[in-house]
PDB file of all heavy atoms in Angstrom:
ATOM      1  N   PHE A   1      58.551  33.330 241.023  1.00  0.00           N
ATOM      2  CA  PHE A   1      59.378  34.329 240.362  1.00  0.00           C
ATOM      3  C   PHE A   1      60.457  33.637 239.529  1.00  0.00           C
ATOM      4  O   PHE A   1      60.790  32.476 239.745  1.00  0.00           O
ATOM      5  CB  PHE A   1      60.028  35.271 241.385  1.00  0.00           C
ATOM      6  CG  PHE A   1      61.060  34.632 242.268  1.00  0.00           C
ATOM      7  CD1 PHE A   1      62.415  34.717 241.984  1.00  0.00           C
ATOM      8  CD2 PHE A   1      60.669  33.924 243.403  1.00  0.00           C
ATOM      9  CE1 PHE A   1      63.344  34.130 242.803  1.00  0.00           C
ATOM     10  CE2 PHE A   1      61.599  33.322 244.231  1.00  0.00           C
ATOM     11  CZ  PHE A   1      62.939  33.446 243.935  1.00  0.00           C
ATOM     12  N   ASP A   2      60.956  34.367 238.576  1.00  0.00           N
ATOM     13  CA  ASP A   2      62.014  33.919 237.668  1.00  0.00           C
ATOM     14  C   ASP A   2      63.365  34.324 238.304  1.00  0.00           C
ATOM     15  O   ASP A   2      63.580  35.513 238.553  1.00  0.00           O
ATOM     16  CB  ASP A   2      61.842  34.535 236.305  1.00  0.00           C
ATOM     17  CG  ASP A   2      62.812  34.021 235.257  1.00  0.00           C
ATOM     18  OD1 ASP A   2      64.025  34.147 235.476  1.00  0.00           O
ATOM     19  OD2 ASP A   2      62.367  33.490 234.242  1.00  0.00           O
ATOM     20  N   VAL A   3      64.235  33.379 238.548  1.00  0.00           N
ATOM     21  CA  VAL A   3      65.493  33.687 239.240  1.00  0.00           C
ATOM     22  C   VAL A   3      66.407  34.540 238.401  1.00  0.00           C
ATOM     23  O   VAL A   3      67.309  35.216 238.933  1.00  0.00           O
ATOM     24  CB  VAL A   3      66.225  32.380 239.656  1.00  0.00           C
ATOM     25  CG1 VAL A   3      65.409  31.611 240.660  1.00  0.00           C
ATOM     26  CG2 VAL A   3      66.512  31.504 238.431  1.00  0.00           C
ATOM     27  N   LYS A   4      66.203  34.553 237.072  1.00  0.00           N
ATOM     28  CA  LYS A   4      67.073  35.350 236.198  1.00  0.00           C
ATOM     29  C   LYS A   4      66.580  36.795 236.094  1.00  0.00           C
ATOM     30  O   LYS A   4      67.352  37.755 236.259  1.00  0.00           O
ATOM     31  CB  LYS A   4      67.142  34.713 234.812  1.00  0.00           C
ATOM     32  CG  LYS A   4      68.123  35.418 233.902  1.00  0.00           C
ATOM     33  CD  LYS A   4      68.242  34.661 232.568  1.00  0.00           C
ATOM     34  CE  LYS A   4      69.255  35.358 231.635  1.00  0.00           C
ATOM     35  NZ  LYS A   4      69.402  34.640 230.344  1.00  0.00           N
ATOM     36  N   THR A   5      65.291  36.965 235.807  1.00  0.00           N
ATOM     37  CA  THR A   5      64.741  38.335 235.614  1.00  0.00           C
ATOM     38  C   THR A   5      64.168  38.936 236.873  1.00  0.00           C
ATOM     39  O   THR A   5      63.963  40.160 236.941  1.00  0.00           O
ATOM     40  CB  THR A   5      63.624  38.313 234.545  1.00  0.00           C
ATOM     41  OG1 THR A   5      62.534  37.548 235.058  1.00  0.00           O
ATOM     42  CG2 THR A   5      64.141  37.684 233.259  1.00  0.00           C
ATOM     43  N   LEU A   6      63.868  38.075 237.849  1.00  0.00           N
ATOM     44  CA  LEU A   6      63.217  38.455 239.124  1.00  0.00           C
ATOM     45  C   LEU A   6      61.790  38.971 238.924  1.00  0.00           C
ATOM     46  O   LEU A   6      61.194  39.531 239.830  1.00  0.00           O
ATOM     47  CB  LEU A   6      64.044  39.481 239.902  1.00  0.00           C
ATOM     48  CG  LEU A   6      65.381  38.939 240.467  1.00  0.00           C
ATOM     49  CD1 LEU A   6      66.125  40.050 241.197  1.00  0.00           C
ATOM     50  CD2 LEU A   6      65.147  37.757 241.401  1.00  0.00           C
ATOM     51  N   GLN A   7      61.253  38.806 237.701  1.00  0.00           N
ATOM     52  CA  GLN A   7      59.836  39.071 237.484  1.00  0.00           C
ATOM     53  C   GLN A   7      59.024  37.977 238.139  1.00  0.00           C
ATOM     54  O   GLN A   7      59.465  36.807 238.180  1.00  0.00           O
ATOM     55  CB  GLN A   7      59.514  39.143 235.974  1.00  0.00           C
ATOM     56  CG  GLN A   7      60.173  40.276 235.244  1.00  0.00           C
ATOM     57  CD  GLN A   7      59.648  41.635 235.679  1.00  0.00           C
ATOM     58  OE1 GLN A   7      58.460  41.792 235.914  1.00  0.00           O
ATOM     59  NE2 GLN A   7      60.525  42.616 235.840  1.00  0.00           N
ATOM     60  N   GLY A   8      57.830  38.310 238.653  1.00  0.00           N
ATOM     61  CA  GLY A   8      57.080  37.285 239.325  1.00  0.00           C
ATOM     62  C   GLY A   8      55.644  37.678 239.647  1.00  0.00           C
ATOM     63  O   GLY A   8      55.139  38.709 239.155  1.00  0.00           O
ATOM     64  N   ILE A   9      55.009  36.849 240.443  1.00  0.00           N
ATOM     65  CA  ILE A   9      53.602  37.032 240.802  1.00  0.00           C
ATOM     66  C   ILE A   9      53.378  36.692 242.254  1.00  0.00           C
ATOM     67  O   ILE A   9      54.020  35.793 242.785  1.00  0.00           O
ATOM     68  CB  ILE A   9      52.697  36.149 239.898  1.00  0.00           C
ATOM     69  CG1 ILE A   9      51.206  36.427 240.156  1.00  0.00           C
ATOM     70  CG2 ILE A   9      52.995  34.667 240.122  1.00  0.00           C
ATOM     71  CD1 ILE A   9      50.297  35.689 239.162  1.00  0.00           C
ATOM     72  N   VAL A  10      52.489  37.454 242.899  1.00  0.00           N
ATOM     73  CA  VAL A  10      52.065  37.200 244.264  1.00  0.00           C
ATOM     74  C   VAL A  10      50.555  36.929 244.195  1.00  0.00           C
ATOM     75  O   VAL A  10      49.806  37.806 243.758  1.00  0.00           O
ATOM     76  CB  VAL A  10      52.359  38.389 245.205  1.00  0.00           C
ATOM     77  CG1 VAL A  10      51.833  38.085 246.614  1.00  0.00           C
ATOM     78  CG2 VAL A  10      53.830  38.688 245.207  1.00  0.00           C
ATOM     79  N   LEU A  11      50.130  35.721 244.572  1.00  0.00           N
ATOM     80  CA  LEU A  11      48.750  35.303 244.321  1.00  0.00           C
ATOM     81  C   LEU A  11      48.146  34.680 245.580  1.00  0.00           C
ATOM     82  O   LEU A  11      48.813  33.925 246.287  1.00  0.00           O
ATOM     83  CB  LEU A  11      48.718  34.295 243.168  1.00  0.00           C
ATOM     84  CG  LEU A  11      47.395  33.697 242.737  1.00  0.00           C
ATOM     85  CD1 LEU A  11      47.405  33.413 241.234  1.00  0.00           C
ATOM     86  CD2 LEU A  11      47.061  32.397 243.494  1.00  0.00           C
ATOM     87  N   THR A  12      46.874  35.021 245.849  1.00  0.00           N
ATOM     88  CA  THR A  12      46.139  34.415 246.962  1.00  0.00           C
ATOM     89  C   THR A  12      44.710  34.140 246.517  1.00  0.00           C
ATOM     90  O   THR A  12      44.291  34.580 245.442  1.00  0.00           O
ATOM     91  CB  THR A  12      46.108  35.310 248.205  1.00  0.00           C
ATOM     92  OG1 THR A  12      45.268  36.476 247.943  1.00  0.00           O
ATOM     93  CG2 THR A  12      47.499  35.805 248.593  1.00  0.00           C
ATOM     94  N   ARG A  13      43.957  33.450 247.377  1.00  0.00           N
ATOM     95  CA  ARG A  13      42.564  33.127 247.052  1.00  0.00           C
ATOM     96  C   ARG A  13      41.575  34.002 247.827  1.00  0.00           C
ATOM     97  O   ARG A  13      40.363  33.789 247.768  1.00  0.00           O
ATOM     98  CB  ARG A  13      42.269  31.658 247.394  1.00  0.00           C
ATOM     99  CG  ARG A  13      43.163  30.684 246.664  1.00  0.00           C
ATOM    100  CD  ARG A  13      42.990  30.734 245.160  1.00  0.00           C
ATOM    101  NE  ARG A  13      43.908  29.770 244.499  1.00  0.00           N
ATOM    102  CZ  ARG A  13      44.007  29.631 243.179  1.00  0.00           C
ATOM    103  NH1 ARG A  13      43.257  30.370 242.378  1.00  0.00           N
ATOM    104  NH2 ARG A  13      44.838  28.768 242.685  1.00  0.00           N
ATOM    105  N   ARG A  14      42.098  34.976 248.548  1.00  0.00           N
ATOM    106  CA  ARG A  14      41.219  35.956 249.252  1.00  0.00           C
ATOM    107  C   ARG A  14      41.919  37.305 249.230  1.00  0.00           C
ATOM    108  O   ARG A  14      43.129  37.386 249.404  1.00  0.00           O
ATOM    109  CB  ARG A  14      40.945  35.499 250.672  1.00  0.00           C
ATOM    110  CG  ARG A  14      40.036  34.272 250.762  1.00  0.00           C
ATOM    111  CD  ARG A  14      40.118  33.591 252.119  1.00  0.00           C
ATOM    112  NE  ARG A  14      39.706  34.483 253.196  1.00  0.00           N
ATOM    113  CZ  ARG A  14      39.848  34.158 254.498  1.00  0.00           C
ATOM    114  NH1 ARG A  14      40.401  33.016 254.823  1.00  0.00           N
ATOM    115  NH2 ARG A  14      39.422  34.982 255.415  1.00  0.00           N
ATOM    116  N   ALA A  15      41.146  38.361 249.048  1.00  0.00           N
ATOM    117  CA  ALA A  15      41.713  39.695 248.914  1.00  0.00           C
ATOM    118  C   ALA A  15      42.434  40.138 250.191  1.00  0.00           C
ATOM    119  O   ALA A  15      43.471  40.803 250.126  1.00  0.00           O
ATOM    120  CB  ALA A  15      40.609  40.713 248.577  1.00  0.00           C
ATOM    121  N   SER A  16      41.892  39.761 251.348  1.00  0.00           N
ATOM    122  CA  SER A  16      42.557  40.165 252.619  1.00  0.00           C
ATOM    123  C   SER A  16      43.899  39.493 252.763  1.00  0.00           C
ATOM    124  O   SER A  16      44.846  40.091 253.304  1.00  0.00           O
ATOM    125  CB  SER A  16      41.656  39.790 253.808  1.00  0.00           C
ATOM    126  OG  SER A  16      41.458  38.384 253.890  1.00  0.00           O
ATOM    127  N   TYR A  17      44.048  38.274 252.263  1.00  0.00           N
ATOM    128  CA  TYR A  17      45.337  37.589 252.318  1.00  0.00           C
ATOM    129  C   TYR A  17      46.360  38.276 251.409  1.00  0.00           C
ATOM    130  O   TYR A  17      47.538  38.383 251.739  1.00  0.00           O
ATOM    131  CB  TYR A  17      45.182  36.127 251.910  1.00  0.00           C
ATOM    132  CG  TYR A  17      44.681  35.182 252.967  1.00  0.00           C
ATOM    133  CD1 TYR A  17      43.948  35.688 254.061  1.00  0.00           C
ATOM    134  CD2 TYR A  17      44.898  33.837 252.944  1.00  0.00           C
ATOM    135  CE1 TYR A  17      43.471  34.860 255.044  1.00  0.00           C
ATOM    136  CE2 TYR A  17      44.439  32.975 253.939  1.00  0.00           C
ATOM    137  CZ  TYR A  17      43.742  33.489 254.991  1.00  0.00           C
ATOM    138  OH  TYR A  17      43.266  32.667 255.963  1.00  0.00           O
ATOM    139  N   LEU A  18      45.874  38.709 250.241  1.00  0.00           N
ATOM    140  CA  LEU A  18      46.787  39.391 249.317  1.00  0.00           C
ATOM    141  C   LEU A  18      47.297  40.699 249.938  1.00  0.00           C
ATOM    142  O   LEU A  18      48.473  41.015 249.839  1.00  0.00           O
ATOM    143  CB  LEU A  18      46.072  39.686 247.994  1.00  0.00           C
ATOM    144  CG  LEU A  18      46.938  40.381 246.914  1.00  0.00           C
ATOM    145  CD1 LEU A  18      48.090  39.474 246.493  1.00  0.00           C
ATOM    146  CD2 LEU A  18      46.090  40.734 245.705  1.00  0.00           C
ATOM    147  N   GLU A  19      46.406  41.421 250.574  1.00  0.00           N
ATOM    148  CA  GLU A  19      46.790  42.680 251.212  1.00  0.00           C
ATOM    149  C   GLU A  19      47.876  42.436 252.269  1.00  0.00           C
ATOM    150  O   GLU A  19      48.874  43.162 252.344  1.00  0.00           O
ATOM    151  CB  GLU A  19      45.581  43.349 251.839  1.00  0.00           C
ATOM    152  CG  GLU A  19      45.858  44.714 252.454  1.00  0.00           C
ATOM    153  CD  GLU A  19      44.613  45.375 252.976  1.00  0.00           C
ATOM    154  OE1 GLU A  19      43.478  44.832 252.781  1.00  0.00           O
ATOM    155  OE2 GLU A  19      44.743  46.429 253.624  1.00  0.00           O
ATOM    156  N   LYS A  20      47.675  41.428 253.095  1.00  0.00           N
ATOM    157  CA  LYS A  20      48.658  41.146 254.154  1.00  0.00           C
ATOM    158  C   LYS A  20      49.968  40.675 253.571  1.00  0.00           C
ATOM    159  O   LYS A  20      51.043  41.053 254.050  1.00  0.00           O
ATOM    160  CB  LYS A  20      48.073  40.065 255.095  1.00  0.00           C
ATOM    161  CG  LYS A  20      46.895  40.521 255.915  1.00  0.00           C
ATOM    162  CD  LYS A  20      46.318  39.383 256.733  1.00  0.00           C
ATOM    163  CE  LYS A  20      45.088  39.834 257.509  1.00  0.00           C
ATOM    164  NZ  LYS A  20      44.476  38.698 258.273  1.00  0.00           N
ATOM    165  N   LEU A  21      49.906  39.831 252.539  1.00  0.00           N
ATOM    166  CA  LEU A  21      51.138  39.322 251.927  1.00  0.00           C
ATOM    167  C   LEU A  21      51.911  40.425 251.240  1.00  0.00           C
ATOM    168  O   LEU A  21      53.161  40.453 251.290  1.00  0.00           O
ATOM    169  CB  LEU A  21      50.794  38.198 250.949  1.00  0.00           C
ATOM    170  CG  LEU A  21      51.964  37.371 250.375  1.00  0.00           C
ATOM    171  CD1 LEU A  21      52.840  36.815 251.498  1.00  0.00           C
ATOM    172  CD2 LEU A  21      51.433  36.251 249.494  1.00  0.00           C
ATOM    173  N   MET A  22      51.212  41.357 250.628  1.00  0.00           N
ATOM    174  CA  MET A  22      51.882  42.475 249.972  1.00  0.00           C
ATOM    175  C   MET A  22      52.576  43.356 251.017  1.00  0.00           C
ATOM    176  O   MET A  22      53.659  43.913 250.760  1.00  0.00           O
ATOM    177  CB  MET A  22      50.881  43.298 249.173  1.00  0.00           C
ATOM    178  CG  MET A  22      50.398  42.599 247.885  1.00  0.00           C
ATOM    179  SD  MET A  22      51.750  42.321 246.708  1.00  0.00           S
ATOM    180  CE  MET A  22      52.062  44.024 246.193  1.00  0.00           C
ATOM    181  N   ASP A  23      52.002  43.513 252.183  1.00  0.00           N
ATOM    182  CA  ASP A  23      52.638  44.258 253.249  1.00  0.00           C
ATOM    183  C   ASP A  23      53.934  43.557 253.691  1.00  0.00           C
ATOM    184  O   ASP A  23      54.961  44.218 253.888  1.00  0.00           O
ATOM    185  CB  ASP A  23      51.707  44.381 254.462  1.00  0.00           C
ATOM    186  CG  ASP A  23      50.584  45.392 254.240  1.00  0.00           C
ATOM    187  OD1 ASP A  23      50.738  46.220 253.329  1.00  0.00           O
ATOM    188  OD2 ASP A  23      49.556  45.331 254.969  1.00  0.00           O
ATOM    189  N   ILE A  24      53.877  42.250 253.820  1.00  0.00           N
ATOM    190  CA  ILE A  24      55.055  41.480 254.210  1.00  0.00           C
ATOM    191  C   ILE A  24      56.170  41.622 253.182  1.00  0.00           C
ATOM    192  O   ILE A  24      57.360  41.723 253.513  1.00  0.00           O
ATOM    193  CB  ILE A  24      54.683  39.979 254.381  1.00  0.00           C
ATOM    194  CG1 ILE A  24      53.772  39.832 255.581  1.00  0.00           C
ATOM    195  CG2 ILE A  24      55.929  39.118 254.525  1.00  0.00           C
ATOM    196  CD1 ILE A  24      53.170  38.451 255.714  1.00  0.00           C
ATOM    197  N   LEU A  25      55.792  41.663 251.888  1.00  0.00           N
ATOM    198  CA  LEU A  25      56.788  41.697 250.814  1.00  0.00           C
ATOM    199  C   LEU A  25      57.085  43.116 250.315  1.00  0.00           C
ATOM    200  O   LEU A  25      57.809  43.286 249.321  1.00  0.00           O
ATOM    201  CB  LEU A  25      56.277  40.868 249.599  1.00  0.00           C
ATOM    202  CG  LEU A  25      56.033  39.359 249.862  1.00  0.00           C
ATOM    203  CD1 LEU A  25      55.338  38.737 248.681  1.00  0.00           C
ATOM    204  CD2 LEU A  25      57.333  38.650 250.165  1.00  0.00           C
ATOM    205  N   SER A  26      56.604  44.105 250.985  1.00  0.00           N
ATOM    206  CA  SER A  26      56.737  45.498 250.523  1.00  0.00           C
ATOM    207  C   SER A  26      58.193  45.931 250.309  1.00  0.00           C
ATOM    208  O   SER A  26      58.497  46.762 249.467  1.00  0.00           O
ATOM    209  CB  SER A  26      56.050  46.457 251.473  1.00  0.00           C
ATOM    210  OG  SER A  26      56.649  46.378 252.770  1.00  0.00           O
ATOM    211  N   GLY A  27      59.114  45.326 251.071  1.00  0.00           N
ATOM    212  CA  GLY A  27      60.524  45.735 250.939  1.00  0.00           C
ATOM    213  C   GLY A  27      61.272  45.019 249.839  1.00  0.00           C
ATOM    214  O   GLY A  27      62.421  45.381 249.537  1.00  0.00           O
ATOM    215  N   VAL A  28      60.607  44.019 249.204  1.00  0.00           N
ATOM    216  CA  VAL A  28      61.312  43.212 248.218  1.00  0.00           C
ATOM    217  C   VAL A  28      60.533  43.048 246.899  1.00  0.00           C
ATOM    218  O   VAL A  28      61.065  42.546 245.934  1.00  0.00           O
ATOM    219  CB  VAL A  28      61.631  41.847 248.804  1.00  0.00           C
ATOM    220  CG1 VAL A  28      60.387  40.978 248.954  1.00  0.00           C
ATOM    221  CG2 VAL A  28      62.727  41.118 248.032  1.00  0.00           C
ATOM    222  N   PHE A  29      59.266  43.509 246.843  1.00  0.00           N
ATOM    223  CA  PHE A  29      58.447  43.323 245.673  1.00  0.00           C
ATOM    224  C   PHE A  29      57.780  44.621 245.264  1.00  0.00           C
ATOM    225  O   PHE A  29      57.155  45.306 246.102  1.00  0.00           O
ATOM    226  CB  PHE A  29      57.363  42.263 245.932  1.00  0.00           C
ATOM    227  CG  PHE A  29      56.466  42.000 244.775  1.00  0.00           C
ATOM    228  CD1 PHE A  29      56.901  41.306 243.646  1.00  0.00           C
ATOM    229  CD2 PHE A  29      55.140  42.432 244.758  1.00  0.00           C
ATOM    230  CE1 PHE A  29      56.064  41.067 242.573  1.00  0.00           C
ATOM    231  CE2 PHE A  29      54.292  42.208 243.713  1.00  0.00           C
ATOM    232  CZ  PHE A  29      54.758  41.532 242.599  1.00  0.00           C
ATOM    233  N   THR A  30      57.881  44.965 243.981  1.00  0.00           N
ATOM    234  CA  THR A  30      57.214  46.169 243.437  1.00  0.00           C
ATOM    235  C   THR A  30      56.199  45.745 242.396  1.00  0.00           C
ATOM    236  O   THR A  30      56.552  45.164 241.362  1.00  0.00           O
ATOM    237  CB  THR A  30      58.232  47.110 242.777  1.00  0.00           C
ATOM    238  OG1 THR A  30      59.231  47.474 243.723  1.00  0.00           O
ATOM    239  CG2 THR A  30      57.529  48.355 242.249  1.00  0.00           C
ATOM    240  N   PRO A  31      54.902  45.961 242.628  1.00  0.00           N
ATOM    241  CA  PRO A  31      53.867  45.553 241.671  1.00  0.00           C
ATOM    242  C   PRO A  31      53.912  46.418 240.418  1.00  0.00           C
ATOM    243  O   PRO A  31      54.289  47.603 240.487  1.00  0.00           O
ATOM    244  CB  PRO A  31      52.569  45.715 242.418  1.00  0.00           C
ATOM    245  CG  PRO A  31      52.880  46.750 243.484  1.00  0.00           C
ATOM    246  CD  PRO A  31      54.321  46.555 243.854  1.00  0.00           C
ATOM    247  N   SER A  32      53.507  45.849 239.303  1.00  0.00           N
ATOM    248  CA  SER A  32      53.509  46.580 238.023  1.00  0.00           C
ATOM    249  C   SER A  32      52.231  47.375 237.793  1.00  0.00           C
ATOM    250  O   SER A  32      52.157  48.186 236.874  1.00  0.00           O
ATOM    251  CB  SER A  32      53.742  45.588 236.864  1.00  0.00           C
ATOM    252  OG  SER A  32      52.734  44.604 236.870  1.00  0.00           O
ATOM    253  N   THR A  33      51.211  47.154 238.618  1.00  0.00           N
ATOM    254  CA  THR A  33      49.971  47.897 238.519  1.00  0.00           C
ATOM    255  C   THR A  33      49.564  48.400 239.912  1.00  0.00           C
ATOM    256  O   THR A  33      49.954  47.826 240.935  1.00  0.00           O
ATOM    257  CB  THR A  33      48.822  47.024 237.958  1.00  0.00           C
ATOM    258  OG1 THR A  33      48.658  45.862 238.815  1.00  0.00           O
ATOM    259  CG2 THR A  33      49.109  46.589 236.529  1.00  0.00           C
ATOM    260  N   GLU A  34      48.767  49.455 239.898  1.00  0.00           N
ATOM    261  CA  GLU A  34      48.318  50.016 241.201  1.00  0.00           C
ATOM    262  C   GLU A  34      47.308  49.123 241.871  1.00  0.00           C
ATOM    263  O   GLU A  34      47.330  48.954 243.095  1.00  0.00           O
ATOM    264  CB  GLU A  34      47.736  51.417 240.961  1.00  0.00           C
ATOM    265  CG  GLU A  34      47.326  52.120 242.242  1.00  0.00           C
ATOM    266  CD  GLU A  34      46.821  53.539 241.987  1.00  0.00           C
ATOM    267  OE1 GLU A  34      47.056  54.067 240.882  1.00  0.00           O
ATOM    268  OE2 GLU A  34      46.197  54.117 242.903  1.00  0.00           O
ATOM    269  N   ASP A  35      46.389  48.531 241.071  1.00  0.00           N
ATOM    270  CA  ASP A  35      45.372  47.673 241.612  1.00  0.00           C
ATOM    271  C   ASP A  35      45.639  46.211 241.267  1.00  0.00           C
ATOM    272  O   ASP A  35      46.196  45.934 240.195  1.00  0.00           O
ATOM    273  CB  ASP A  35      43.989  48.092 241.075  1.00  0.00           C
ATOM    274  CG  ASP A  35      43.607  49.467 241.510  1.00  0.00           C
ATOM    275  OD1 ASP A  35      43.820  49.834 242.675  1.00  0.00           O
ATOM    276  OD2 ASP A  35      43.101  50.242 240.640  1.00  0.00           O
ATOM    277  N   PRO A  36      45.211  45.293 242.091  1.00  0.00           N
ATOM    278  CA  PRO A  36      45.437  43.869 241.802  1.00  0.00           C
ATOM    279  C   PRO A  36      44.459  43.371 240.745  1.00  0.00           C
ATOM    280  O   PRO A  36      43.425  43.985 240.478  1.00  0.00           O
ATOM    281  CB  PRO A  36      45.160  43.202 243.152  1.00  0.00           C
ATOM    282  CG  PRO A  36      44.168  44.089 243.830  1.00  0.00           C
ATOM    283  CD  PRO A  36      44.564  45.487 243.401  1.00  0.00           C
ATOM    284  N   PHE A  37      44.801  42.248 240.139  1.00  0.00           N
ATOM    285  CA  PHE A  37      43.878  41.496 239.306  1.00  0.00           C
ATOM    286  C   PHE A  37      42.948  40.736 240.256  1.00  0.00           C
ATOM    287  O   PHE A  37      43.394  40.256 241.293  1.00  0.00           O
ATOM    288  CB  PHE A  37      44.603  40.562 238.361  1.00  0.00           C
ATOM    289  CG  PHE A  37      45.444  41.250 237.352  1.00  0.00           C
ATOM    290  CD1 PHE A  37      46.760  41.540 237.616  1.00  0.00           C
ATOM    291  CD2 PHE A  37      44.917  41.599 236.095  1.00  0.00           C
ATOM    292  CE1 PHE A  37      47.554  42.180 236.666  1.00  0.00           C
ATOM    293  CE2 PHE A  37      45.693  42.254 235.161  1.00  0.00           C
ATOM    294  CZ  PHE A  37      47.030  42.539 235.440  1.00  0.00           C
ATOM    295  N   PHE A  38      41.679  40.582 239.851  1.00  0.00           N
ATOM    296  CA  PHE A  38      40.692  40.001 240.752  1.00  0.00           C
ATOM    297  C   PHE A  38      39.741  39.158 239.923  1.00  0.00           C
ATOM    298  O   PHE A  38      39.075  39.667 239.034  1.00  0.00           O
ATOM    299  CB  PHE A  38      39.948  41.125 241.483  1.00  0.00           C
ATOM    300  CG  PHE A  38      38.938  40.652 242.503  1.00  0.00           C
ATOM    301  CD1 PHE A  38      39.278  40.568 243.847  1.00  0.00           C
ATOM    302  CD2 PHE A  38      37.656  40.300 242.109  1.00  0.00           C
ATOM    303  CE1 PHE A  38      38.334  40.161 244.799  1.00  0.00           C
ATOM    304  CE2 PHE A  38      36.728  39.877 243.034  1.00  0.00           C
ATOM    305  CZ  PHE A  38      37.069  39.824 244.383  1.00  0.00           C
ATOM    306  N   ILE A  39      39.670  37.827 240.199  1.00  0.00           N
ATOM    307  CA  ILE A  39      38.801  36.927 239.466  1.00  0.00           C
ATOM    308  C   ILE A  39      37.988  36.111 240.449  1.00  0.00           C
ATOM    309  O   ILE A  39      38.585  35.368 241.283  1.00  0.00           O
ATOM    310  CB  ILE A  39      39.639  35.989 238.544  1.00  0.00           C
ATOM    311  CG1 ILE A  39      40.411  36.767 237.501  1.00  0.00           C
ATOM    312  CG2 ILE A  39      38.713  34.940 237.882  1.00  0.00           C
ATOM    313  CD1 ILE A  39      39.550  37.382 236.421  1.00  0.00           C
ATOM    314  N   THR A  40      36.660  36.205 240.392  1.00  0.00           N
ATOM    315  CA  THR A  40      35.824  35.424 241.270  1.00  0.00           C
ATOM    316  C   THR A  40      35.726  33.981 240.778  1.00  0.00           C
ATOM    317  O   THR A  40      36.160  33.651 239.668  1.00  0.00           O
ATOM    318  CB  THR A  40      34.401  36.013 241.375  1.00  0.00           C
ATOM    319  OG1 THR A  40      33.806  35.951 240.061  1.00  0.00           O
ATOM    320  CG2 THR A  40      34.452  37.454 241.850  1.00  0.00           C
ATOM    321  N   VAL A  41      35.123  33.126 241.600  1.00  0.00           N
ATOM    322  CA  VAL A  41      34.933  31.722 241.249  1.00  0.00           C
ATOM    323  C   VAL A  41      34.110  31.614 239.952  1.00  0.00           C
ATOM    324  O   VAL A  41      34.413  30.816 239.067  1.00  0.00           O
ATOM    325  CB  VAL A  41      34.288  30.953 242.374  1.00  0.00           C
ATOM    326  CG1 VAL A  41      33.938  29.521 241.959  1.00  0.00           C
ATOM    327  CG2 VAL A  41      35.195  30.925 243.614  1.00  0.00           C
ATOM    328  N   THR A  42      33.042  32.419 239.867  1.00  0.00           N
ATOM    329  CA  THR A  42      32.182  32.375 238.645  1.00  0.00           C
ATOM    330  C   THR A  42      32.967  32.868 237.432  1.00  0.00           C
ATOM    331  O   THR A  42      32.830  32.275 236.359  1.00  0.00           O
ATOM    332  CB  THR A  42      30.926  33.257 238.862  1.00  0.00           C
ATOM    333  OG1 THR A  42      30.238  32.817 240.045  1.00  0.00           O
ATOM    334  CG2 THR A  42      30.003  33.111 237.665  1.00  0.00           C
ATOM    335  N   MET A  43      33.787  33.911 237.605  1.00  0.00           N
ATOM    336  CA  MET A  43      34.554  34.399 236.457  1.00  0.00           C
ATOM    337  C   MET A  43      35.579  33.376 236.000  1.00  0.00           C
ATOM    338  O   MET A  43      35.944  33.348 234.817  1.00  0.00           O
ATOM    339  CB  MET A  43      35.211  35.737 236.835  1.00  0.00           C
ATOM    340  CG  MET A  43      34.309  36.932 236.681  1.00  0.00           C
ATOM    341  SD  MET A  43      33.794  37.219 234.952  1.00  0.00           S
ATOM    342  CE  MET A  43      35.337  37.814 234.244  1.00  0.00           C
ATOM    343  N   GLU A  44      36.084  32.542 236.902  1.00  0.00           N
ATOM    344  CA  GLU A  44      36.973  31.463 236.475  1.00  0.00           C
ATOM    345  C   GLU A  44      36.266  30.516 235.535  1.00  0.00           C
ATOM    346  O   GLU A  44      36.820  30.075 234.524  1.00  0.00           O
ATOM    347  CB  GLU A  44      37.527  30.717 237.687  1.00  0.00           C
ATOM    348  CG  GLU A  44      38.496  31.551 238.519  1.00  0.00           C
ATOM    349  CD  GLU A  44      39.261  30.698 239.555  1.00  0.00           C
ATOM    350  OE1 GLU A  44      39.217  29.474 239.438  1.00  0.00           O
ATOM    351  OE2 GLU A  44      39.876  31.303 240.449  1.00  0.00           O
ATOM    352  N   LYS A  45      34.990  30.255 235.808  1.00  0.00           N
ATOM    353  CA  LYS A  45      34.196  29.406 234.923  1.00  0.00           C
ATOM    354  C   LYS A  45      33.882  30.126 233.618  1.00  0.00           C
ATOM    355  O   LYS A  45      33.790  29.497 232.546  1.00  0.00           O
ATOM    356  CB  LYS A  45      32.901  28.990 235.608  1.00  0.00           C
ATOM    357  CG  LYS A  45      33.119  28.068 236.801  1.00  0.00           C
ATOM    358  CD  LYS A  45      31.829  27.616 237.442  1.00  0.00           C
ATOM    359  CE  LYS A  45      31.089  26.597 236.600  1.00  0.00           C
ATOM    360  NZ  LYS A  45      31.801  25.305 236.483  1.00  0.00           N
TER     361      LYS A  45
END
């Protein structure tokens, strides 16, 4: 996150981890979209 604007990103390598981390951060982080971005290993290539 940017300490000045407080804009940031929450990123994991597995969807279940992202879900758990978002629950942990629910009181301090508001996502800008309803659904997460999702890129598989093949799509990275």
